[in-house]
Protein backbone atom coordinates (compact mmCIF):
# COMPACT_ATOMS: atom_id res chain seq x y z
CA UNK A 1 -60.82 -7.00 -22.01
CA UNK A 2 -61.61 -5.47 -18.64
CA UNK A 3 -59.04 -5.42 -16.09
CA UNK A 4 -59.90 -6.79 -12.94
CA UNK A 5 -59.07 -5.16 -9.81
CA UNK A 6 -56.50 -6.78 -7.28
CA UNK A 7 -58.08 -8.63 -3.98
CA UNK A 8 -57.81 -6.63 -1.35
CA UNK A 9 -55.69 -9.04 0.51
CA UNK A 10 -52.91 -8.97 -2.07
CA UNK A 11 -53.12 -5.08 -2.46
CA UNK A 12 -52.52 -4.57 1.02
CA UNK A 13 -49.54 -6.34 0.84
CA UNK A 14 -48.14 -5.01 -2.45
CA UNK A 15 -48.39 -1.33 -1.82
CA UNK A 16 -46.70 -0.95 1.34
CA UNK A 17 -43.66 -3.19 -0.44
CA UNK A 18 -43.95 -0.66 -3.12
CA UNK A 19 -43.82 2.14 -1.36
CA UNK A 20 -40.87 1.24 0.81
CA UNK A 21 -38.86 0.21 -1.89
CA UNK A 22 -39.52 3.82 -3.54
CA UNK A 23 -38.73 5.47 -0.63
CA UNK A 24 -35.35 3.50 -0.50
CA UNK A 25 -34.42 4.23 -3.91
CA UNK A 26 -35.52 7.69 -4.43
CA UNK A 27 -33.19 9.60 -1.10
CA UNK A 28 -31.70 12.22 -2.39
CA UNK A 29 -27.77 13.12 -1.57
CA UNK A 30 -26.72 16.01 0.29
CA UNK A 31 -22.93 15.12 -0.54
CA UNK A 32 -21.42 18.27 -2.90
CA UNK A 33 -20.41 17.16 -6.43
CA UNK A 34 -17.21 15.59 -6.29
CA UNK A 35 -14.41 17.38 -8.80
CA UNK A 36 -11.19 15.91 -9.09
CA UNK A 37 -8.58 19.05 -8.36
CA UNK A 38 -6.39 20.29 -10.98
CA UNK A 39 -2.98 18.79 -11.63
CA UNK A 40 -0.56 20.48 -9.24
CA UNK A 41 2.50 19.93 -11.25
CA UNK A 42 3.79 20.70 -14.80
CA UNK A 43 2.58 18.67 -18.10
CA UNK A 44 5.71 17.00 -18.51
CA UNK A 45 8.88 15.97 -16.62
CA UNK A 46 12.00 17.95 -16.71
CA UNK A 47 13.61 15.67 -18.51
CA UNK A 48 11.29 16.60 -21.73
CA UNK A 49 8.28 16.39 -23.03
CA UNK A 50 8.04 12.29 -23.64
CA UNK A 51 4.97 10.59 -24.54
CA UNK A 52 3.97 7.69 -23.13
CA UNK A 53 5.40 4.20 -25.25
CA UNK A 54 3.45 1.03 -25.66
CA UNK A 55 4.47 -0.75 -22.83
CA UNK A 56 4.29 1.84 -19.80
CA UNK A 57 5.49 0.90 -16.59
CA UNK A 58 2.31 0.48 -15.19
CA UNK A 59 1.52 -2.68 -17.81
CA UNK A 60 4.83 -4.28 -17.06
CA UNK A 61 4.75 -6.95 -14.24
CA UNK A 62 7.37 -7.23 -11.87
CA UNK A 63 8.20 -10.80 -13.18
CA UNK A 64 9.15 -9.16 -16.94
CA UNK A 65 10.63 -6.19 -15.35
CA UNK A 66 13.24 -8.13 -13.17
CA UNK A 67 14.40 -11.04 -15.28
CA UNK A 68 17.10 -12.11 -12.62
CA UNK A 69 15.67 -15.74 -11.62
CA UNK A 70 17.36 -15.14 -8.33
CA UNK A 71 15.78 -11.75 -7.57
CA UNK A 72 12.64 -12.91 -8.60
CA UNK A 73 12.69 -15.50 -5.94
CA UNK A 74 13.18 -13.09 -3.48
CA UNK A 75 10.73 -10.86 -4.39
CA UNK A 76 8.53 -14.02 -4.24
CA UNK A 77 9.48 -14.61 -1.04
CA UNK A 78 9.03 -11.37 0.26
CA UNK A 79 5.72 -11.20 -1.12
CA UNK A 80 4.63 -14.33 0.76
CA UNK A 81 5.88 -13.69 4.33
CA UNK A 82 6.55 -10.25 4.51
CA UNK A 83 4.84 -8.85 7.93
CA UNK A 84 4.26 -5.19 6.90
CA UNK A 85 2.24 -6.34 3.21
CA UNK A 86 0.78 -9.05 5.70
CA UNK A 87 -0.96 -6.42 7.90
CA UNK A 88 -1.67 -4.19 5.00
CA UNK A 89 -3.82 -6.74 3.37
CA UNK A 90 -5.51 -7.60 6.51
CA UNK A 91 -6.41 -3.84 6.95
CA UNK A 92 -8.35 -4.54 3.41
CA UNK A 93 -9.93 -7.50 4.62
CA UNK A 94 -10.68 -4.89 8.07
CA UNK A 95 -12.05 -2.36 5.44
CA UNK A 96 -13.91 -4.58 3.87
CA UNK A 97 -16.01 -5.93 6.56
CA UNK A 98 -16.53 -2.06 7.87
CA UNK A 99 -18.39 -1.60 4.46
CA UNK A 100 -20.37 -4.74 4.68
CA UNK A 101 -21.54 -3.54 8.07
CA UNK A 102 -22.43 0.09 6.93
CA UNK A 103 -24.23 -1.54 3.63
CA UNK A 104 -26.42 -3.53 5.69
CA UNK A 105 -27.71 -0.13 7.15
CA UNK A 106 -29.55 0.57 4.03
CA UNK A 107 -32.17 -2.42 4.73
CA UNK A 108 -34.30 -3.15 7.56
CA UNK A 109 -33.14 -5.99 10.14
CA UNK A 110 -35.65 -8.55 10.20
CA UNK A 111 -35.69 -11.43 12.94
CA UNK A 112 -37.92 -14.04 14.25
CA UNK A 113 -38.62 -14.08 18.12
CA UNK A 114 -40.91 -16.50 20.38
CA UNK A 115 -41.45 -15.85 24.07
CA UNK A 116 -43.79 -16.84 26.60
CA UNK A 117 -44.52 -15.91 30.18
CA UNK A 118 -46.55 -16.93 33.43
CA UNK A 119 -47.40 -14.99 36.48
CA UNK A 120 -49.26 -15.03 39.45
CA UNK A 121 -50.55 -12.17 41.09
CA UNK A 122 -52.01 -12.35 44.85
CA UNK A 123 -55.41 -11.89 45.72
CA UNK A 124 -55.25 -8.73 47.30
CA UNK A 125 -53.43 -6.86 44.68
CA UNK A 126 -57.02 -7.57 42.18
CA UNK A 127 -60.49 -6.76 42.31
CA UNK A 128 -61.78 -10.44 42.76
CA UNK A 129 -59.66 -11.19 45.99
CA UNK A 130 -58.46 -14.34 44.70
CA UNK A 131 -54.71 -15.14 43.42
CA UNK A 132 -54.80 -15.26 39.60
CA UNK A 133 -52.44 -17.14 37.31
CA UNK A 134 -51.91 -16.01 33.77
CA UNK A 135 -49.70 -17.07 30.81
CA UNK A 136 -49.13 -15.25 27.26
CA UNK A 137 -47.15 -16.82 24.63
CA UNK A 138 -46.38 -14.88 21.39
CA UNK A 139 -44.28 -16.15 18.34
CA UNK A 140 -43.62 -13.23 15.28
CA UNK A 141 -41.39 -11.88 13.24
CA UNK A 142 -39.89 -8.22 13.73
CA UNK A 143 -38.57 -5.45 12.18
CA UNK A 144 -35.71 -3.09 14.31
CA UNK A 145 -35.67 0.44 13.77
CA UNK A 146 -35.20 0.99 10.32
CA UNK A 147 -34.52 4.52 9.00
CA UNK A 148 -35.98 5.62 5.67
CA UNK A 149 -33.16 7.33 4.17
CA UNK A 150 -35.01 10.18 2.57
CA UNK A 151 -31.88 12.60 3.11
CA UNK A 152 -28.92 9.90 1.82
CA UNK A 153 -27.42 10.02 5.43
CA UNK A 154 -26.92 6.13 5.65
CA UNK A 155 -26.30 6.15 1.46
CA UNK A 156 -23.50 8.41 2.24
CA UNK A 157 -21.83 7.05 5.33
CA UNK A 158 -22.11 3.59 2.74
CA UNK A 159 -20.59 5.37 -0.03
CA UNK A 160 -17.41 6.93 2.38
CA UNK A 161 -16.73 3.36 3.53
CA UNK A 162 -16.91 1.86 -0.16
CA UNK A 163 -14.26 4.50 -0.51
CA UNK A 164 -12.17 4.05 2.42
CA UNK A 165 -12.12 0.28 0.99
CA UNK A 166 -11.35 0.95 -1.99
CA UNK A 167 -8.41 3.17 -0.44
CA UNK A 168 -7.04 0.71 1.54
CA UNK A 169 -6.85 -1.92 -1.29
CA UNK A 170 -5.18 0.62 -3.33
CA UNK A 171 -2.59 1.43 -0.38
CA UNK A 172 -2.05 -2.40 -0.03
CA UNK A 173 -1.02 -2.29 -3.82
CA UNK A 174 1.06 0.60 -2.83
CA UNK A 175 2.92 -1.60 0.06
CA UNK A 176 2.97 -4.28 -2.47
CA UNK A 177 4.63 -2.27 -5.04
CA UNK A 178 7.26 -0.70 -2.38
CA UNK A 179 8.23 -4.19 -0.89
CA UNK A 180 9.10 -5.21 -4.60
CA UNK A 181 11.30 -2.07 -4.86
CA UNK A 182 12.87 -2.25 -1.56
CA UNK A 183 13.74 -5.92 -2.12
CA UNK A 184 15.35 -5.28 -5.57
CA UNK A 185 17.19 -2.54 -3.91
CA UNK A 186 18.43 -4.45 -1.40
CA UNK A 187 19.64 -7.26 -3.59
CA UNK A 188 21.23 -4.80 -5.60
CA UNK A 189 23.03 -3.64 -2.71
CA UNK A 190 24.52 -6.84 -1.20
CA UNK A 191 25.42 -7.80 -4.71
CA UNK A 192 27.58 -4.40 -5.09
CA UNK A 193 29.41 -5.11 -1.49
CA UNK A 194 30.07 -9.06 -2.93
CA UNK A 195 31.60 -7.19 -5.93
CA UNK A 196 33.51 -4.91 -3.88
CA UNK A 197 34.41 -7.53 -1.66
CA UNK A 198 35.96 -9.98 -4.35
CA UNK A 199 38.08 -6.69 -5.87
CA UNK A 200 39.43 -6.24 -1.83
CA UNK A 201 39.91 -9.74 -1.61
CA UNK A 202 42.18 -9.91 -4.93
CA UNK A 203 43.82 -6.58 -3.89
CA UNK A 204 44.56 -7.94 -0.39
CA UNK A 205 45.98 -11.21 -2.18
CA UNK A 206 48.50 -9.49 -4.19
CA UNK A 207 49.66 -6.91 -1.80
CA UNK A 208 49.99 -10.02 0.33
CA UNK A 209 52.56 -11.18 -2.24
CA UNK A 210 54.05 -8.20 -2.72
CA UNK A 211 54.75 -8.02 1.04
CA UNK A 212 56.29 -11.41 0.77
CA UNK A 213 58.66 -10.46 -1.92
CA UNK A 214 59.60 -7.55 0.14
CA UNK A 215 60.17 -8.95 3.49
CA UNK A 216 62.77 -11.33 1.32
CA UNK A 217 64.34 -8.13 -0.42
CA UNK A 218 64.65 -6.43 2.79
CA UNK A 219 66.24 -9.81 4.44
CA UNK A 220 68.91 -9.75 1.93
CA UNK A 221 69.62 -5.90 2.11
CA UNK A 222 68.45 -4.93 -1.24
CA UNK A 223 65.68 -2.61 0.19
CA UNK A 224 65.32 -0.36 2.85
CA UNK A 225 63.04 -0.40 5.86
CA UNK A 226 60.92 2.46 4.54
CA UNK A 227 59.98 0.35 1.10
CA UNK A 228 59.08 -2.73 3.38
CA UNK A 229 56.81 -0.71 5.79
CA UNK A 230 55.38 1.73 2.92
CA UNK A 231 54.41 -2.21 1.02
CA UNK A 232 53.20 -3.32 4.64
CA UNK A 233 50.98 -0.26 5.04
CA UNK A 234 49.19 -0.58 1.94
CA UNK A 235 48.44 -4.38 2.90
CA UNK A 236 47.06 -3.81 5.75
CA UNK A 237 44.79 -0.45 4.42
CA UNK A 238 43.20 -3.19 2.12
CA UNK A 239 42.68 -5.60 4.80
CA UNK A 240 41.05 -3.13 6.96
CA UNK A 241 38.73 -2.15 4.12
CA UNK A 242 38.17 -6.15 3.71
CA UNK A 243 37.02 -6.04 6.97
CA UNK A 244 34.94 -3.13 6.37
CA UNK A 245 33.14 -4.28 3.58
CA UNK A 246 32.40 -7.57 5.54
CA UNK A 247 30.65 -5.97 8.02
CA UNK A 248 28.27 -4.09 5.62
CA UNK A 249 27.65 -6.97 3.62
CA UNK A 250 26.51 -9.08 6.68
CA UNK A 251 24.00 -5.93 8.10
CA UNK A 252 22.67 -5.86 4.45
CA UNK A 253 22.15 -9.64 4.43
CA UNK A 254 19.94 -9.21 7.29
CA UNK A 255 18.28 -6.23 6.36
CA UNK A 256 17.33 -8.25 3.07
CA UNK A 257 16.25 -11.45 5.20
CA UNK A 258 13.56 -9.01 7.12
CA UNK A 259 12.27 -7.98 3.81
CA UNK A 260 11.66 -11.20 3.02
CA UNK A 261 10.44 -12.13 6.08
CA UNK A 262 11.99 -15.68 5.88
CA UNK A 263 15.89 -16.77 6.29
CA UNK A 264 18.29 -15.67 3.33
CA UNK A 265 19.49 -18.46 1.19
CA UNK A 266 21.37 -17.28 -1.66
CA UNK A 267 22.90 -19.66 -4.31
CA UNK A 268 26.39 -19.04 -5.38
CA UNK A 269 26.40 -16.18 -7.36
CA UNK A 270 29.25 -14.57 -9.90
CA UNK A 271 31.22 -11.47 -8.12
CA UNK A 272 30.47 -9.19 -10.76
CA UNK A 273 26.77 -7.98 -11.44
CA UNK A 274 25.87 -8.14 -15.03
CA UNK A 275 23.55 -4.94 -15.58
CA UNK A 276 21.90 -5.52 -18.78
CA UNK A 277 20.25 -8.87 -16.97
CA UNK A 278 18.89 -7.34 -13.69
CA UNK A 279 16.13 -5.07 -15.64
CA UNK A 280 14.95 -2.92 -18.56
CA UNK A 281 15.22 0.51 -19.11
CA UNK A 282 11.70 2.32 -18.83
CA UNK A 283 10.34 5.27 -20.47
CA UNK A 284 8.55 8.05 -18.08
CA UNK A 285 5.36 9.03 -19.87
CA UNK A 286 3.55 12.08 -18.92
CA UNK A 287 2.63 12.98 -15.52
CA UNK A 288 -1.02 12.57 -15.84
CA UNK A 289 -0.61 9.09 -16.12
CA UNK A 290 0.53 9.37 -12.20
CA UNK A 291 -3.05 9.66 -11.43
CA UNK A 292 -4.21 6.07 -12.08
CA UNK A 293 -1.21 4.28 -12.30
CA UNK A 294 0.72 5.07 -8.48
CA UNK A 295 -1.54 3.07 -6.07
CA UNK A 296 -0.81 5.79 -3.19
CA UNK A 297 -2.48 8.46 -5.50
CA UNK A 298 -5.50 6.38 -5.88
CA UNK A 299 -5.62 5.73 -2.58
CA UNK A 300 -5.70 9.40 -1.95
CA UNK A 301 -8.37 10.06 -4.23
CA UNK A 302 -10.31 7.69 -2.31
CA UNK A 303 -9.68 8.98 0.84
CA UNK A 304 -11.05 12.30 -0.55
CA UNK A 305 -14.34 11.07 -1.74
CA UNK A 306 -14.69 9.54 1.08
CA UNK A 307 -14.78 12.76 3.07
CA UNK A 308 -16.72 14.35 0.51
CA UNK A 309 -19.51 11.56 1.09
CA UNK A 310 -19.24 12.02 4.87
CA UNK A 311 -20.38 15.84 4.25
CA UNK A 312 -23.31 14.73 3.15
CA UNK A 313 -23.99 12.54 6.03
CA UNK A 314 -23.22 15.49 8.41
CA UNK A 315 -25.68 17.82 6.57
CA UNK A 316 -28.53 15.39 6.29
CA UNK A 317 -28.48 15.52 10.35
CA UNK A 318 -30.28 18.95 9.97
CA UNK A 319 -33.08 17.02 8.49
CA UNK A 320 -35.81 15.04 10.19
CA UNK A 321 -35.09 11.44 10.81
CA UNK A 322 -38.05 9.23 10.11
CA UNK A 323 -37.57 5.33 11.31
CA UNK A 324 -39.91 2.39 11.30
CA UNK A 325 -40.31 -0.22 13.67
CA UNK A 326 -43.15 -3.28 13.73
CA UNK A 327 -43.49 -7.11 14.34
CA UNK A 328 -46.23 -9.26 12.82
CA UNK A 329 -47.27 -12.74 14.68
CA UNK A 330 -49.65 -14.39 16.72
CA UNK A 331 -50.30 -14.12 20.45
CA UNK A 332 -52.29 -16.30 22.80
CA UNK A 333 -53.05 -16.83 26.59
CA UNK A 334 -52.79 -20.69 25.62
CA UNK A 335 -49.58 -22.33 24.36
CA UNK A 336 -51.97 -24.58 22.15
CA UNK A 337 -53.97 -21.49 20.90
CA UNK A 338 -51.11 -19.63 19.16
CA UNK A 339 -52.21 -20.81 15.76
CA UNK A 340 -55.79 -20.66 16.48
CA UNK A 341 -58.21 -18.23 14.62
CA UNK A 342 -58.25 -14.71 15.58
CA UNK A 343 -54.76 -15.26 17.58
CA UNK A 344 -53.15 -13.25 14.64
CA UNK A 345 -51.35 -10.03 16.67
CA UNK A 346 -49.17 -6.91 14.90
CA UNK A 347 -47.92 -3.49 15.57
CA UNK A 348 -46.14 -0.68 13.68
CA UNK A 349 -44.65 2.16 14.85
CA UNK A 350 -42.96 4.85 12.58
CA UNK A 351 -41.40 8.01 14.51
CA UNK A 352 -40.36 10.96 13.44
CA UNK A 353 -37.71 13.36 15.20
CA UNK A 354 -36.91 16.79 14.28
CA UNK A 355 -33.38 17.97 15.95
CA UNK A 356 -34.44 21.86 17.36
CA UNK A 357 -31.74 22.49 19.67
CA UNK A 358 -28.12 21.07 20.16
CA UNK A 359 -26.19 23.88 20.87
CA UNK A 360 -24.37 24.03 17.55
CA UNK A 361 -23.47 20.34 17.58
CA UNK A 362 -24.59 19.67 14.01
CA UNK A 363 -23.19 22.74 12.32
CA UNK A 364 -19.87 22.11 14.05
CA UNK A 365 -20.31 18.47 12.57
CA UNK A 366 -20.39 19.72 9.15
CA UNK A 367 -17.66 22.24 9.81
CA UNK A 368 -15.48 18.79 10.99
CA UNK A 369 -16.43 17.11 7.64
CA UNK A 370 -15.47 19.85 5.45
CA UNK A 371 -12.40 20.64 7.18
CA UNK A 372 -11.34 16.96 6.72
CA UNK A 373 -12.25 17.38 3.14
CA UNK A 374 -10.03 20.11 2.58
CA UNK A 375 -7.20 18.19 4.54
CA UNK A 376 -7.64 15.29 1.55
CA UNK A 377 -7.47 17.65 -0.92
CA UNK A 378 -4.00 19.01 0.30
CA UNK A 379 -3.03 15.32 1.11
CA UNK A 380 -4.25 14.36 -2.59
CA UNK A 381 -2.31 17.43 -3.76
CA UNK A 382 0.91 16.39 -1.96
CA UNK A 383 0.51 13.10 -3.06
CA UNK A 384 0.45 14.07 -6.75
CA UNK A 385 3.40 16.29 -5.94
CA UNK A 386 5.61 13.65 -4.25
CA UNK A 387 4.96 11.39 -6.85
CA UNK A 388 6.15 13.86 -9.59
CA UNK A 389 9.49 14.52 -7.53
CA UNK A 390 9.57 10.59 -7.50
CA UNK A 391 9.95 10.29 -11.05
CA UNK A 392 11.94 13.40 -11.82
CA UNK A 393 14.48 12.54 -9.12
CA UNK A 394 14.90 9.13 -10.64
CA UNK A 395 15.38 10.61 -14.24
CA UNK A 396 17.71 12.85 -13.29
CA UNK A 397 20.02 9.74 -11.60
CA UNK A 398 19.21 7.68 -14.66
CA UNK A 399 20.90 10.45 -16.78
CA UNK A 400 23.58 11.32 -14.61
CA UNK A 401 24.81 8.29 -13.04
CA UNK A 402 25.05 6.83 -16.41
CA UNK A 403 27.91 9.53 -17.30
CA UNK A 404 29.53 8.85 -14.37
CA UNK A 405 29.72 5.22 -14.83
CA UNK A 406 31.26 5.70 -18.23
CA UNK A 407 33.78 8.34 -16.64
CA UNK A 408 34.54 6.23 -14.03
CA UNK A 409 35.32 3.02 -16.24
CA UNK A 410 37.55 5.38 -17.89
CA UNK A 411 39.29 6.39 -14.71
CA UNK A 412 39.80 2.77 -13.54
CA UNK A 413 41.44 2.02 -17.00
CA UNK A 414 43.63 5.34 -16.48
CA UNK A 415 44.62 4.22 -13.24
CA UNK A 416 45.48 0.53 -14.06
CA UNK A 417 47.70 1.75 -16.88
CA UNK A 418 49.01 4.25 -14.03
CA UNK A 419 49.50 1.36 -11.59
CA UNK A 420 51.75 -0.52 -13.99
CA UNK A 421 53.58 2.15 -15.09
CA UNK A 422 54.23 3.27 -11.42
CA UNK A 423 55.68 -0.32 -10.99
CA UNK A 424 58.17 -0.24 -13.76
CA UNK A 425 59.39 2.92 -12.98
CA UNK A 426 59.78 1.63 -8.88
CA UNK A 427 61.75 -1.72 -10.90
CA UNK A 428 64.09 0.29 -12.99
CA UNK A 429 64.77 2.61 -10.19
CA UNK A 430 63.30 5.74 -11.54
CA UNK A 431 61.26 6.45 -8.91
CA UNK A 432 60.33 5.88 -5.14
CA UNK A 433 58.13 3.60 -4.22
CA UNK A 434 55.67 5.95 -2.78
CA UNK A 435 54.69 6.37 -6.42
CA UNK A 436 53.57 2.68 -6.86
CA UNK A 437 51.75 3.17 -3.04
CA UNK A 438 49.86 6.05 -4.50
CA UNK A 439 49.00 4.43 -7.66
CA UNK A 440 47.60 1.36 -6.59
CA UNK A 441 45.56 3.30 -3.38
CA UNK A 442 43.81 5.41 -6.32
CA UNK A 443 42.89 2.32 -8.42
CA UNK A 444 41.27 0.54 -5.33
CA UNK A 445 39.60 3.41 -4.70
CA UNK A 446 38.44 3.83 -8.51
CA UNK A 447 37.21 0.36 -8.43
CA UNK A 448 35.08 0.45 -5.41
CA UNK A 449 33.76 3.78 -6.51
CA UNK A 450 32.76 2.21 -10.09
CA UNK A 451 31.00 -0.44 -8.55
CA UNK A 452 28.91 1.64 -6.23
CA UNK A 453 27.64 3.97 -9.22
CA UNK A 454 27.12 0.89 -11.16
CA UNK A 455 24.92 0.03 -8.52
CA UNK A 456 23.25 3.33 -7.97
CA UNK A 457 22.18 3.67 -11.80
CA UNK A 458 20.63 0.40 -11.31
CA UNK A 459 18.74 1.50 -8.14
CA UNK A 460 17.68 4.88 -9.76
CA UNK A 461 16.12 2.14 -12.52
CA UNK A 462 14.11 0.34 -9.58
CA UNK A 463 13.19 3.79 -8.14
CA UNK A 464 11.57 4.69 -11.68
CA UNK A 465 9.82 1.66 -12.14
CA UNK A 466 8.03 2.04 -8.29
CA UNK A 467 7.59 5.93 -8.96
CA UNK A 468 5.55 5.06 -12.02
CA UNK A 469 3.43 2.63 -10.75
CA UNK A 470 5.09 -0.15 -12.10
CA UNK A 471 3.30 -3.02 -12.98
CA UNK A 472 -0.02 -1.82 -10.80
CA UNK A 473 -2.25 -2.18 -14.50
CA UNK A 474 -0.29 -5.87 -15.03
CA UNK A 475 -1.26 -6.87 -11.56
CA UNK A 476 -4.64 -8.35 -10.95
CA UNK A 477 -7.09 -6.20 -8.64
CA UNK A 478 -8.76 -7.03 -5.79
CA UNK A 479 -11.64 -9.44 -6.50
CA UNK A 480 -14.28 -7.76 -4.92
CA UNK A 481 -13.27 -4.15 -5.89
CA UNK A 482 -15.51 -4.58 -9.14
CA UNK A 483 -18.39 -5.84 -7.35
CA UNK A 484 -18.12 -3.37 -4.53
CA UNK A 485 -17.90 -0.52 -6.89
CA UNK A 486 -21.26 -1.93 -8.74
CA UNK A 487 -22.80 -2.47 -5.38
CA UNK A 488 -22.32 1.13 -4.57
CA UNK A 489 -23.73 2.27 -7.55
CA UNK A 490 -27.23 0.58 -6.25
C-alpha cells in the first residue's frame, strides 16, 4: 500500500507547529545539578541512639497528641482566627500566583485584535494635487514577542518560582505548627497559674484564720505582740504572692487571647492540672528524619533549589536570545472587503539578539546568583542545626525535669510534715513561733515550685512535638502542591 503525501496546505500548518513544540520541549538547562548538602549534625541525639517508633511525631495529628478537649478547642480557634497564620497562608497564595505568572512565560501570548483607520491628506501633500481620503480596516490574531527557550532561561525561572511557592507552603505549615505549640504552652502556663493561685488562696484563708485566733490570744494576754506580728507578716506575704499571681494570670490570659485572635472564653476547670490527660509521650527518632518532617527545613531546601535554578537563568543570559512575533488575519481598504477573497494578511518577525558588551553586568548577575545559592546552603545547614538543638534541648528538659518533679514531690511531703511538727512543738511550748513561720513559708515555696516544674515538664513535651515536626505528615498538604510539582516536570 503506497502512502499518499500530505496536501501542501496541511503540511505547511503541521510542520511549524511540530517544530515549535520540539524547540520548546528540547531546551537545555544551564542550572548546576542539585545535590542535597550533607547532614551537619551527629547521626543520633545526645539522649541515645533511639530508633523511629511506629507512630512518629510527624504522623500524630495535634488532635491525637493533645486529647484535652478544652485545649483542642483553643487550638482550633487559633487556627481559624490567628492573624499571623492568616498572613502566612496569604503569602502562599501570593507565591502560587507568581508561579502561575512565571509558568505562563513558557507559552506564546496570542490575542485577537481589530482596528480601523480613516485619514485625509491635503492636495498639496500628494502628487495628484487633490485631497485624498483613505481607509484601512484589519482583523486578525497576533502573537506577542515569544522567546524560544533554547537555553532553559524561562524554564529555570519557572522552576525557581515553583520552589519559592513550595517553600512558602512549607513555611505556612511551620507557622501552623508553631502556633499550635504556642497555644498549648500558653494554655499550660495559664493552668499553672490557676493551680498556684488556688494553693495561695488556700494558704491566705488558713493564715487569715490563724491571725484571727492569735489576735484573740493576744487580747487575752496568752501570747506576746511579737507572735501576733509574725502571724500577720506571714498572712501579708501570702496576700502579696496572691496579688502577684493574679497579675501574672491576667497577662497570660491576654497573651493567649492574642494567639487565639478571638476573646478567651474558658469553662470552669479544676484547679489542679491532670498531667497524664494533657498529652502523650514521644520517641525522638533519628536526626535524618527531620529533613522530611520539619517544615522549616523543607522550606529551606526549597529555597536552596530556587537559588540553584536562578543560576541557570543567569547563565543563559550569555547566549543568544530568539523571539518570535507574528500576526495573521485580513485587511482591506473597505470595511465590507475584510473577508473578501485576497484580503488575507500576515506578518512574521523572528529576531535574535546576542549580547556583546555590557560592562560585566551578566558576569555580576551570575556571581550574585551563586552568592545567593551559597547563602541558601548556609541557611539550610543552620536550619538543620537549629532543629537538632531544639530536639536535644527538649529531650534534656524532658529527662531532667521529670527527675526534678519527683524530687519536689518528696520535698513537698517533707515540708508538709515539717510544718505539722513545728505547729505541734509551738502548741506545746517547745519552740518559738518563728519555727512555724519558717516551715509554712518553705512549704508554700515548695508547692509553688512543684507546680512550676510540672508545667515546665509538660511544656518540654510540647516543644519536643514541635521540634520533631509534629503532625506535618498527618496533616493534609496544600491541594495544589502535588499538581504544581507535576507541572514543574513538564
